[in-house]
Amino acid sequence: QVQLVESGGGLVQPGGSLRLSCAASRSIFGIYTMGWYRQAPGKQRELVAHIISGGTTIYADSVKGRFTLSRDYAKNTLYLQMNGLKPEDTAVYYCRLGTSAATTYWGQGTQVTVSS
């Protein structure tokens, strides 16, 4: 079992920045996949960005150029730096870790609200 603890969400004005953190209870070195998803009210959960085995990082088109994924192996933590936030980025953001194609774990979610 892997525990994921997210933090860093909050209320920010349009154009502002936030950094989300996802701390894992195990090493994330060489992990199969790890990333962030989000779910806005009334919408399906969607991929924001994730790192797949081999180190390739994939971003949703809607966040390319604004969001950046990074890792700290010493802290077993994945970060999502979000710049240029827009109201449409408002959602609950979830961290997801996959140890294989069949085994995944989710965090509890952190609310991001972009509003003036």
Protein backbone atom coordinates (compact mmCIF):
# COMPACT_ATOMS: atom_id res chain seq x y z
CA GLN A 1 0.00 0.00 0.00
CA VAL A 2 1.25 3.47 -0.87
CA GLN A 3 0.05 6.65 0.79
CA LEU A 4 0.05 9.94 -1.09
CA VAL A 5 -0.30 13.24 0.75
CA GLU A 6 -1.07 16.33 -1.31
CA SER A 7 -0.66 19.93 -0.26
CA GLY A 8 -0.34 23.42 -1.69
CA GLY A 9 -3.83 24.11 -2.96
CA GLY A 10 -5.72 27.29 -2.22
CA LEU A 11 -7.36 30.41 -3.57
CA VAL A 12 -5.41 32.50 -6.07
CA GLN A 13 -6.23 35.34 -8.43
CA PRO A 14 -6.09 34.88 -12.20
CA GLY A 15 -2.51 35.09 -13.39
CA GLY A 16 -1.19 33.90 -10.06
CA SER A 17 0.87 30.86 -9.15
CA LEU A 18 0.67 27.86 -6.86
CA ARG A 19 2.89 24.86 -6.25
CA LEU A 20 1.29 21.55 -5.41
CA SER A 21 3.21 18.83 -3.59
CA CYS A 22 2.57 15.11 -3.44
CA ALA A 23 4.58 13.21 -0.84
CA ALA A 24 4.71 9.43 -1.27
CA SER A 25 5.27 6.85 1.46
CA ARG A 26 7.76 4.98 -0.73
CA SER A 27 10.59 5.80 -3.07
CA ILE A 28 9.49 7.34 -6.35
CA PHE A 29 12.76 6.54 -8.10
CA GLY A 30 12.06 4.48 -11.21
CA ILE A 31 8.32 4.56 -10.55
CA TYR A 32 6.12 3.30 -13.38
CA THR A 33 4.14 6.53 -13.53
CA MET A 34 3.34 9.50 -11.31
CA GLY A 35 1.38 12.62 -11.98
CA TRP A 36 -1.52 14.96 -11.41
CA TYR A 37 -5.13 14.80 -12.47
CA ARG A 38 -7.93 17.26 -11.81
CA GLN A 39 -11.68 17.21 -11.59
CA ALA A 40 -13.87 20.27 -11.90
CA PRO A 41 -17.49 20.26 -10.71
CA GLY A 42 -19.71 18.37 -13.13
CA LYS A 43 -16.77 17.19 -15.22
CA GLN A 44 -14.77 14.02 -15.53
CA ARG A 45 -11.36 13.66 -13.98
CA GLU A 46 -8.69 14.57 -16.51
CA LEU A 47 -4.93 14.29 -16.83
CA VAL A 48 -2.94 17.42 -16.06
CA ALA A 49 0.59 16.08 -16.34
CA HIS A 50 2.47 12.89 -15.61
CA ILE A 51 5.85 11.27 -15.81
CA ILE A 52 6.06 7.80 -17.28
CA SER A 53 8.81 5.21 -16.90
CA GLY A 54 11.89 6.36 -18.78
CA GLY A 55 11.36 9.93 -17.69
CA THR A 56 9.06 11.25 -20.39
CA THR A 57 6.76 13.99 -19.13
CA ILE A 58 3.36 14.50 -20.73
CA TYR A 59 1.23 17.61 -20.27
CA ALA A 60 -2.36 18.30 -21.19
CA ASP A 61 -2.58 20.83 -24.02
CA SER A 62 -4.49 23.19 -21.76
CA VAL A 63 -1.55 23.56 -19.34
CA LYS A 64 1.47 23.37 -21.64
CA GLY A 65 3.79 26.28 -21.11
CA ARG A 66 2.16 27.19 -17.78
CA PHE A 67 2.56 24.12 -15.57
CA THR A 68 5.78 22.26 -14.78
CA LEU A 69 6.22 18.87 -13.19
CA SER A 70 9.30 18.10 -11.09
CA ARG A 71 10.51 15.49 -8.62
CA ASP A 72 12.61 15.40 -5.47
CA TYR A 73 13.80 11.83 -5.01
CA ALA A 74 15.31 12.55 -1.59
CA LYS A 75 11.87 13.64 -0.32
CA ASN A 76 9.85 11.14 -2.40
CA THR A 77 7.85 14.13 -3.57
CA LEU A 78 6.33 15.18 -6.87
CA TYR A 79 5.65 18.86 -7.50
CA LEU A 80 3.36 20.70 -9.89
CA GLN A 81 4.33 24.33 -10.39
CA MET A 82 1.35 26.19 -11.79
CA ASN A 83 1.88 29.64 -13.29
CA GLY A 84 -0.48 31.89 -15.19
CA LEU A 85 -3.49 30.34 -13.51
CA LYS A 86 -6.89 30.79 -15.15
CA PRO A 87 -10.41 30.42 -13.74
CA GLU A 88 -10.80 27.28 -15.83
CA ASP A 89 -7.97 25.70 -13.83
CA THR A 90 -10.30 25.61 -10.82
CA ALA A 91 -10.68 21.99 -9.72
CA VAL A 92 -9.73 19.41 -7.15
CA TYR A 93 -6.24 18.21 -8.03
CA TYR A 94 -5.32 14.59 -7.35
CA CYS A 95 -1.94 12.95 -7.25
CA ARG A 96 -1.69 9.51 -8.84
CA LEU A 97 1.11 6.97 -8.56
CA GLY A 98 1.34 3.75 -10.53
CA THR A 99 3.68 0.96 -9.53
CA SER A 100 2.62 -1.04 -12.59
CA ALA A 101 0.03 -0.87 -15.36
CA ALA A 102 -2.43 -2.60 -13.05
CA THR A 103 -1.69 -1.00 -9.68
CA THR A 104 -2.33 2.66 -8.97
CA TYR A 105 -2.82 4.82 -5.92
CA TRP A 106 -4.57 8.15 -5.48
CA GLY A 107 -4.20 10.97 -3.02
CA GLN A 108 -7.11 12.59 -1.26
CA GLY A 109 -7.10 15.68 -3.47
CA THR A 110 -6.40 19.36 -2.92
CA GLN A 111 -8.68 22.21 -3.98
CA VAL A 112 -7.39 24.88 -6.34
CA THR A 113 -9.64 27.88 -6.88
CA VAL A 114 -8.74 30.64 -9.33
CA SER A 115 -10.95 33.65 -8.85
CA SER A 116 -10.78 37.42 -8.49
